[in-house]
Amino acid sequence: MASFGVIFDADGVLFDSERQSLEALRLAVEKVSGDRVKLASLGLDFVCGRDDDSILDILNRDHGVVVPPARFRDLKLECYRQVVANDPISVASGAVELLDALEAASIPHAIATAAIRAKLDLSLAALGLAHRFPSITSVDEVRAGKPDPALFLLAANRLGQAPHRVIVFEDSVNGIMAANRAGMFSVGVVGTFSREQLSQARQVIENLRQVNVALLRQWVNGHGGLQVSL
C-alpha cells in the first residue's frame, strides 16, 4: 500500500475554471428565477464548493424559486457548455507537473468534486486529462456535498487510504471544511478565496507549483503542522 494518497478538487485547483463555473451558475440561477435572484445575493463563500441541491434549497427557502433538481442540473450544464465555448478553461499552473511526479512515485491520486460527473467529464475532455485520473468521485455519488465530508471519505476509500493518510487540495472554504471534518490534511489553493479566507487549512499555497512529493510526504508524516511560507 502506498504511504499516502492525494485528492484534488477540480474547479479552481486542477483547472482554471472557477470563473467559468460561477458564470454558468449565475446564468442558471437567473434563468430559473426569472432574473429575480442574482448570484451575488447567495454569497460566494456559500456557493463555491456546494452541490446543486444545497443551492436549490436556498433558492426555494429564501426566494421562493421552485425547480426540479434534474432540470436545474441540466440547465447549469448547458450554461457551462456555452460559457466555455466562448471562454475556454485551462489547466492550472503546476497541475500537470505534480501529476507526473505523483505517477512517477506511485502515489495514488483522485478527483473529488462537488460538480456533477457530466460537467467534470466535459472539463477533463476539453483539457485532455481524463486518462490521468483512474479514480473520480463526484457529488452524484454521495448523500450530501461539501462541507459534508462524505465526498472525500468515499474518494479516500477508493484510493485504499485511511483518512489521516490523505492530502486534499481545495480552493473553497466549504472544501477545506469538508477535508478537515474528514480528518485529512487540507491544503488551500489561493485564487477563488484569499490566503486569509483559507486559514482553516493545514497549509495554504499560491499554486500547485509550490509542492512536490517530498514536501507532501513531510506533511502527511506529521512534519507540516504549522503553516510555512512557500
Protein backbone atom coordinates (compact mmCIF):
# COMPACT_ATOMS: atom_id res chain seq x y z
CA MET A 1 0.00 0.00 0.00
CA ALA A 2 1.26 3.49 -0.83
CA SER A 3 2.36 5.67 2.05
CA PHE A 4 -0.33 8.26 1.36
CA GLY A 5 -2.87 9.44 -1.20
CA VAL A 6 -3.79 12.76 -2.76
CA ILE A 7 -7.26 14.10 -3.55
CA PHE A 8 -7.78 17.11 -5.79
CA ASP A 9 -10.80 19.31 -6.12
CA ALA A 10 -11.31 20.14 -9.80
CA ASP A 11 -12.50 23.71 -10.48
CA GLY A 12 -10.03 26.22 -9.10
CA VAL A 13 -7.41 23.58 -8.24
CA LEU A 14 -6.67 21.36 -11.23
CA PHE A 15 -8.44 23.62 -13.71
CA ASP A 16 -8.51 27.38 -14.05
CA SER A 17 -12.25 27.16 -14.44
CA GLU A 18 -13.81 28.75 -11.38
CA ARG A 19 -14.67 31.92 -13.33
CA GLN A 20 -16.50 29.92 -15.99
CA SER A 21 -18.22 27.71 -13.42
CA LEU A 22 -19.51 30.71 -11.49
CA GLU A 23 -20.67 32.37 -14.70
CA ALA A 24 -22.62 29.24 -15.65
CA LEU A 25 -24.16 29.14 -12.19
CA ARG A 26 -25.06 32.83 -12.43
CA LEU A 27 -26.83 32.27 -15.72
CA ALA A 28 -28.68 29.20 -14.43
CA VAL A 29 -29.83 30.96 -11.25
CA GLU A 30 -31.10 33.97 -13.21
CA LYS A 31 -32.94 31.76 -15.70
CA VAL A 32 -34.75 29.61 -13.13
CA SER A 33 -35.66 32.68 -11.06
CA GLY A 34 -36.81 34.78 -13.99
CA ASP A 35 -33.93 37.21 -13.30
CA ARG A 36 -35.24 37.84 -9.77
CA VAL A 37 -32.24 36.33 -7.99
CA LYS A 38 -28.65 37.40 -8.55
CA LEU A 39 -25.79 35.05 -7.71
CA ALA A 40 -24.13 37.72 -5.56
CA SER A 41 -27.09 37.62 -3.19
CA LEU A 42 -26.36 33.97 -2.37
CA GLY A 43 -22.78 34.72 -1.32
CA LEU A 44 -19.57 33.46 -2.92
CA ASP A 45 -18.49 31.74 0.28
CA PHE A 46 -21.73 29.77 0.26
CA VAL A 47 -21.99 28.66 -3.37
CA CYS A 48 -18.32 27.75 -4.01
CA GLY A 49 -17.84 24.06 -3.44
CA ARG A 50 -21.54 23.50 -2.78
CA ASP A 51 -23.68 20.93 -4.52
CA ASP A 52 -26.67 21.91 -6.65
CA ASP A 53 -29.24 20.62 -4.15
CA SER A 54 -27.91 22.93 -1.41
CA ILE A 55 -28.12 25.91 -3.76
CA LEU A 56 -31.66 24.93 -4.76
CA ASP A 57 -32.65 24.69 -1.09
CA ILE A 58 -31.58 28.31 -0.57
CA LEU A 59 -33.31 29.46 -3.75
CA ASN A 60 -36.52 27.83 -2.56
CA ARG A 61 -36.30 28.84 1.10
CA ASP A 62 -35.18 32.44 0.69
CA HIS A 63 -36.52 33.35 -2.76
CA GLY A 64 -39.48 31.05 -3.43
CA VAL A 65 -37.87 29.52 -6.51
CA VAL A 66 -39.15 26.01 -7.15
CA VAL A 67 -37.42 23.97 -9.85
CA PRO A 68 -36.86 20.21 -10.23
CA PRO A 69 -33.23 19.35 -9.34
CA ALA A 70 -32.69 17.45 -12.61
CA ARG A 71 -33.83 20.46 -14.64
CA PHE A 72 -31.50 22.78 -12.73
CA ARG A 73 -28.52 20.45 -13.21
CA ASP A 74 -29.22 20.11 -16.93
CA LEU A 75 -29.62 23.86 -17.32
CA LYS A 76 -26.41 24.61 -15.43
CA LEU A 77 -24.51 22.06 -17.51
CA GLU A 78 -25.78 23.61 -20.73
CA CYS A 79 -24.83 27.07 -19.46
CA TYR A 80 -21.35 25.77 -18.65
CA ARG A 81 -21.03 24.34 -22.16
CA GLN A 82 -21.94 27.68 -23.67
CA VAL A 83 -19.63 29.64 -21.37
CA VAL A 84 -16.53 27.51 -22.02
CA ALA A 85 -17.18 27.58 -25.75
CA ASN A 86 -16.58 31.34 -25.62
CA ASP A 87 -14.17 31.42 -22.66
CA PRO A 88 -12.14 28.17 -22.64
CA ILE A 89 -10.83 26.76 -19.39
CA SER A 90 -7.16 25.86 -18.89
CA VAL A 91 -5.03 23.55 -16.78
CA ALA A 92 -3.96 25.16 -13.51
CA SER A 93 -0.34 26.15 -13.04
CA GLY A 94 1.74 23.21 -11.86
CA ALA A 95 -1.05 20.63 -12.18
CA VAL A 96 0.50 18.51 -14.93
CA GLU A 97 3.93 18.57 -13.31
CA LEU A 98 2.52 17.45 -9.96
CA LEU A 99 0.50 14.68 -11.59
CA ASP A 100 3.66 13.49 -13.37
CA ALA A 101 5.55 13.43 -10.06
CA LEU A 102 2.77 11.53 -8.26
CA GLU A 103 2.61 8.93 -11.02
CA ALA A 104 6.40 8.53 -11.04
CA ALA A 105 6.33 7.94 -7.28
CA SER A 106 3.31 5.59 -7.50
CA ILE A 107 1.28 7.85 -5.21
CA PRO A 108 -2.44 7.19 -5.73
CA HIS A 109 -4.46 10.27 -6.55
CA ALA A 110 -8.05 11.13 -7.33
CA ILE A 111 -10.54 13.87 -8.05
CA ALA A 112 -13.38 14.58 -5.63
CA THR A 113 -15.67 17.32 -6.83
CA ALA A 114 -18.94 18.97 -5.89
CA ALA A 115 -19.67 19.16 -9.62
CA ILE A 116 -21.83 16.55 -11.31
CA ARG A 117 -19.93 13.91 -13.26
CA ALA A 118 -21.14 15.17 -16.63
CA LYS A 119 -19.61 18.61 -16.01
CA LEU A 120 -16.34 17.12 -14.80
CA ASP A 121 -16.13 14.83 -17.82
CA LEU A 122 -16.67 17.81 -20.11
CA SER A 123 -13.78 19.68 -18.46
CA LEU A 124 -11.44 16.68 -18.44
CA ALA A 125 -12.11 16.01 -22.11
CA ALA A 126 -11.55 19.65 -23.05
CA LEU A 127 -8.15 19.61 -21.32
CA GLY A 128 -7.08 16.09 -22.31
CA LEU A 129 -6.75 14.98 -18.69
CA ALA A 130 -9.32 12.19 -18.49
CA HIS A 131 -6.65 9.46 -18.61
CA ARG A 132 -4.78 10.95 -15.64
CA PHE A 133 -7.41 10.01 -13.06
CA PRO A 134 -8.34 6.34 -12.65
CA SER A 135 -10.33 7.33 -9.55
CA ILE A 136 -13.00 10.04 -9.70
CA THR A 137 -15.72 10.80 -7.17
CA SER A 138 -18.44 13.34 -7.95
CA VAL A 139 -21.31 14.75 -5.96
CA ASP A 140 -23.73 12.43 -7.80
CA GLU A 141 -22.50 9.58 -5.62
CA VAL A 142 -22.91 10.90 -2.07
CA ARG A 143 -25.77 11.88 0.21
CA ALA A 144 -24.52 15.44 0.71
CA GLY A 145 -21.94 17.74 -0.80
CA LYS A 146 -19.25 19.84 0.84
CA PRO A 147 -18.83 20.89 3.63
CA ASP A 148 -20.09 17.39 4.49
CA PRO A 149 -17.05 15.03 4.46
CA ALA A 150 -18.82 12.19 2.60
CA LEU A 151 -17.31 13.05 -0.79
CA PHE A 152 -13.74 12.93 0.49
CA LEU A 153 -14.29 9.84 2.62
CA LEU A 154 -15.61 7.92 -0.38
CA ALA A 155 -12.68 9.09 -2.52
CA ALA A 156 -10.17 8.03 0.15
CA ASN A 157 -11.79 4.62 0.43
CA ARG A 158 -11.47 4.14 -3.32
CA LEU A 159 -7.78 5.03 -3.07
CA GLY A 160 -7.34 2.44 -0.32
CA GLN A 161 -6.11 5.09 2.11
CA ALA A 162 -7.06 5.90 5.69
CA PRO A 163 -8.33 9.50 6.01
CA HIS A 164 -5.32 10.64 8.05
CA ARG A 165 -3.03 9.48 5.21
CA VAL A 166 -4.73 11.67 2.61
CA ILE A 167 -3.82 15.18 1.45
CA VAL A 168 -6.63 17.25 -0.05
CA PHE A 169 -6.11 20.25 -2.34
CA GLU A 170 -9.05 22.66 -2.23
CA ASP A 171 -9.76 26.24 -3.28
CA SER A 172 -13.00 26.82 -1.37
CA VAL A 173 -13.87 27.39 2.26
CA ASN A 174 -16.52 24.65 2.05
CA GLY A 175 -13.95 22.24 0.63
CA ILE A 176 -11.45 22.96 3.40
CA MET A 177 -14.17 22.40 5.99
CA ALA A 178 -15.07 19.06 4.37
CA ALA A 179 -11.44 17.89 4.30
CA ASN A 180 -10.91 18.88 7.93
CA ARG A 181 -14.10 17.11 9.00
CA ALA A 182 -12.91 14.00 7.16
CA GLY A 183 -9.70 14.04 9.21
CA MET A 184 -7.50 14.70 6.18
CA PHE A 185 -4.57 17.07 5.63
CA SER A 186 -6.13 20.09 3.96
CA VAL A 187 -4.20 22.36 1.60
CA GLY A 188 -5.83 25.58 0.47
CA VAL A 189 -5.03 26.87 -3.01
CA VAL A 190 -5.35 30.66 -3.23
CA GLY A 191 -7.40 32.08 -6.06
CA THR A 192 -11.14 31.82 -5.55
CA PHE A 193 -10.53 32.81 -1.93
CA SER A 194 -7.68 34.66 -0.26
CA ARG A 195 -5.00 33.17 1.99
CA GLU A 196 -6.80 34.66 4.99
CA GLN A 197 -10.12 33.13 4.00
CA LEU A 198 -8.47 29.71 3.66
CA SER A 199 -6.75 29.99 7.03
CA GLN A 200 -8.50 26.88 8.39
CA ALA A 201 -6.41 24.74 6.02
CA ARG A 202 -3.33 23.00 7.42
CA GLN A 203 -1.28 24.63 4.66
CA VAL A 204 -2.06 27.37 2.14
CA ILE A 205 -0.27 27.68 -1.21
CA GLU A 206 -0.46 30.02 -4.18
CA ASN A 207 -0.46 27.25 -6.80
CA LEU A 208 0.50 23.61 -7.34
CA ARG A 209 4.00 24.54 -8.49
CA GLN A 210 4.86 25.14 -4.85
CA VAL A 211 4.62 21.50 -3.83
CA ASN A 212 6.44 18.27 -4.65
CA VAL A 213 6.23 14.67 -3.49
CA ALA A 214 8.91 15.13 -0.82
CA LEU A 215 7.01 18.04 0.74
CA LEU A 216 3.72 16.15 0.63
CA ARG A 217 5.37 13.23 2.37
CA GLN A 218 6.65 15.55 5.11
CA TRP A 219 3.19 16.98 5.62
CA VAL A 220 1.37 13.68 5.85
CA ASN A 221 4.01 12.23 8.17
CA GLY A 222 3.41 14.98 10.70
CA HIS A 223 6.13 17.48 9.89
CA GLY A 224 3.83 20.13 8.47
CA GLY A 225 1.57 21.05 11.34
CA LEU A 226 2.48 24.72 11.12
CA GLN A 227 1.90 26.76 8.02
CA VAL A 228 5.08 27.72 6.25
CA SER A 229 5.90 30.46 3.78
CA LEU A 230 6.07 28.85 0.35
